[in-house]
């Protein structure tokens, strides 16, 4: 299953972030103009998932797993 952030949110016009849910974990892809970031998080190592939802605007989803913190912005 794949979730893609909105292109209307800030800093996502050209390359919106994506979250891929697979059988054993999730892949968070945060593309960039010259260098992107892709992080694989195993379900067993994820310690925290938080969703920051403002009244107006787009949500930010943050995953914490084994010392790594990955945040993706622009989801509805």
C-alpha atoms as a PDB file:
ATOM      1  CA  UNK A   1       0.000   0.000   0.000  1.00  0.00           C
ATOM      2  CA  UNK A   2       1.340   3.430  -0.907  1.00  0.00           C
ATOM      3  CA  UNK A   3       0.428   6.850   0.489  1.00  0.00           C
ATOM      4  CA  UNK A   4       1.635  10.026  -1.234  1.00  0.00           C
ATOM      5  CA  UNK A   5       1.635  13.507   0.297  1.00  0.00           C
ATOM      6  CA  UNK A   6      -0.201  16.363  -1.343  1.00  0.00           C
ATOM      7  CA  UNK A   7       1.668  18.506  -3.845  1.00  0.00           C
ATOM      8  CA  UNK A   8      -0.156  21.571  -2.500  1.00  0.00           C
ATOM      9  CA  UNK A   9       1.622  21.456   0.860  1.00  0.00           C
ATOM     10  CA  UNK A  10       4.774  23.467   1.472  1.00  0.00           C
ATOM     11  CA  UNK A  11       8.082  22.119   0.060  1.00  0.00           C
ATOM     12  CA  UNK A  12       6.303  19.244  -1.746  1.00  0.00           C
ATOM     13  CA  UNK A  13       5.472  20.803  -5.130  1.00  0.00           C
ATOM     14  CA  UNK A  14       8.018  18.836  -7.170  1.00  0.00           C
ATOM     15  CA  UNK A  15       8.714  15.754  -5.065  1.00  0.00           C
ATOM     16  CA  UNK A  16       6.079  14.777  -2.478  1.00  0.00           C
ATOM     17  CA  UNK A  17       6.999  12.296   0.289  1.00  0.00           C
ATOM     18  CA  UNK A  18       5.700   8.723   0.105  1.00  0.00           C
ATOM     19  CA  UNK A  19       4.995   6.037   2.699  1.00  0.00           C
ATOM     20  CA  UNK A  20       4.993   2.411   1.479  1.00  0.00           C
ATOM     21  CA  UNK A  21       3.525  -0.238   3.790  1.00  0.00           C
ATOM     22  CA  UNK A  22       4.906  -3.724   3.126  1.00  0.00           C
ATOM     23  CA  UNK A  23       4.555  -7.100   4.808  1.00  0.00           C
ATOM     24  CA  UNK A  24       7.430  -6.683   7.262  1.00  0.00           C
ATOM     25  CA  UNK A  25       7.785  -2.908   7.635  1.00  0.00           C
ATOM     26  CA  UNK A  26       7.406   0.509   6.091  1.00  0.00           C
ATOM     27  CA  UNK A  27       9.518   2.547   3.714  1.00  0.00           C
ATOM     28  CA  UNK A  28       9.430   6.334   4.069  1.00  0.00           C
ATOM     29  CA  UNK A  29      10.729   8.156   0.991  1.00  0.00           C
ATOM     30  CA  UNK A  30      11.458  11.860   1.244  1.00  0.00           C
ATOM     31  CA  UNK A  31      12.764  12.931  -2.168  1.00  0.00           C
ATOM     32  CA  UNK A  32      14.841  16.016  -2.798  1.00  0.00           C
ATOM     33  CA  UNK A  33      16.125  17.971  -5.746  1.00  0.00           C
ATOM     34  CA  UNK A  34      19.664  16.542  -5.682  1.00  0.00           C
ATOM     35  CA  UNK A  35      19.582  14.018  -2.870  1.00  0.00           C
ATOM     36  CA  UNK A  36      16.633  12.163  -1.399  1.00  0.00           C
ATOM     37  CA  UNK A  37      16.173  10.143   1.756  1.00  0.00           C
ATOM     38  CA  UNK A  38      14.699   6.659   1.956  1.00  0.00           C
ATOM     39  CA  UNK A  39      14.357   4.865   5.280  1.00  0.00           C
ATOM     40  CA  UNK A  40      13.172   1.295   5.921  1.00  0.00           C
ATOM     41  CA  UNK A  41      11.602   0.705   9.350  1.00  0.00           C
ATOM     42  CA  UNK A  42      10.863  -2.834  10.530  1.00  0.00           C
ATOM     43  CA  UNK A  43       7.516  -3.217  12.329  1.00  0.00           C
ATOM     44  CA  UNK A  44       9.212  -4.877  15.313  1.00  0.00           C
ATOM     45  CA  UNK A  45      11.554  -1.920  15.844  1.00  0.00           C
ATOM     46  CA  UNK A  46       9.025   0.922  15.559  1.00  0.00           C
ATOM     47  CA  UNK A  47       8.605   2.410  19.016  1.00  0.00           C
ATOM     48  CA  UNK A  48       6.422   5.441  18.315  1.00  0.00           C
ATOM     49  CA  UNK A  49       4.195   6.844  15.573  1.00  0.00           C
ATOM     50  CA  UNK A  50       2.803  10.340  15.999  1.00  0.00           C
ATOM     51  CA  UNK A  51       0.544  12.376  13.754  1.00  0.00           C
ATOM     52  CA  UNK A  52       0.522  16.147  14.143  1.00  0.00           C
ATOM     53  CA  UNK A  53      -2.722  17.448  12.678  1.00  0.00           C
ATOM     54  CA  UNK A  54      -3.337  21.211  12.622  1.00  0.00           C
ATOM     55  CA  UNK A  55      -6.872  22.614  12.285  1.00  0.00           C
ATOM     56  CA  UNK A  56      -5.971  24.078   8.895  1.00  0.00           C
ATOM     57  CA  UNK A  57      -3.249  22.568   6.770  1.00  0.00           C
ATOM     58  CA  UNK A  58      -1.587  19.223   6.255  1.00  0.00           C
ATOM     59  CA  UNK A  59      -0.525  16.553   8.741  1.00  0.00           C
ATOM     60  CA  UNK A  60       3.003  15.527   9.654  1.00  0.00           C
ATOM     61  CA  UNK A  61       3.604  11.840  10.394  1.00  0.00           C
ATOM     62  CA  UNK A  62       6.650  10.992  12.530  1.00  0.00           C
ATOM     63  CA  UNK A  63       8.058   7.478  13.009  1.00  0.00           C
ATOM     64  CA  UNK A  64      10.621   6.585  15.693  1.00  0.00           C
ATOM     65  CA  UNK A  65      12.453   3.276  15.470  1.00  0.00           C
ATOM     66  CA  UNK A  66      15.780   2.087  16.909  1.00  0.00           C
ATOM     67  CA  UNK A  67      17.133   5.590  17.418  1.00  0.00           C
ATOM     68  CA  UNK A  68      16.016   6.854  14.012  1.00  0.00           C
ATOM     69  CA  UNK A  69      13.390   9.565  13.627  1.00  0.00           C
ATOM     70  CA  UNK A  70      11.713  10.036  10.253  1.00  0.00           C
ATOM     71  CA  UNK A  71       9.088  12.727   9.617  1.00  0.00           C
ATOM     72  CA  UNK A  72       7.000  13.234   6.474  1.00  0.00           C
ATOM     73  CA  UNK A  73       4.810  16.318   5.917  1.00  0.00           C
ATOM     74  CA  UNK A  74       1.842  16.964   3.645  1.00  0.00           C
ATOM     75  CA  UNK A  75      -0.657  14.174   4.271  1.00  0.00           C
ATOM     76  CA  UNK A  76      -4.440  14.607   4.396  1.00  0.00           C
END
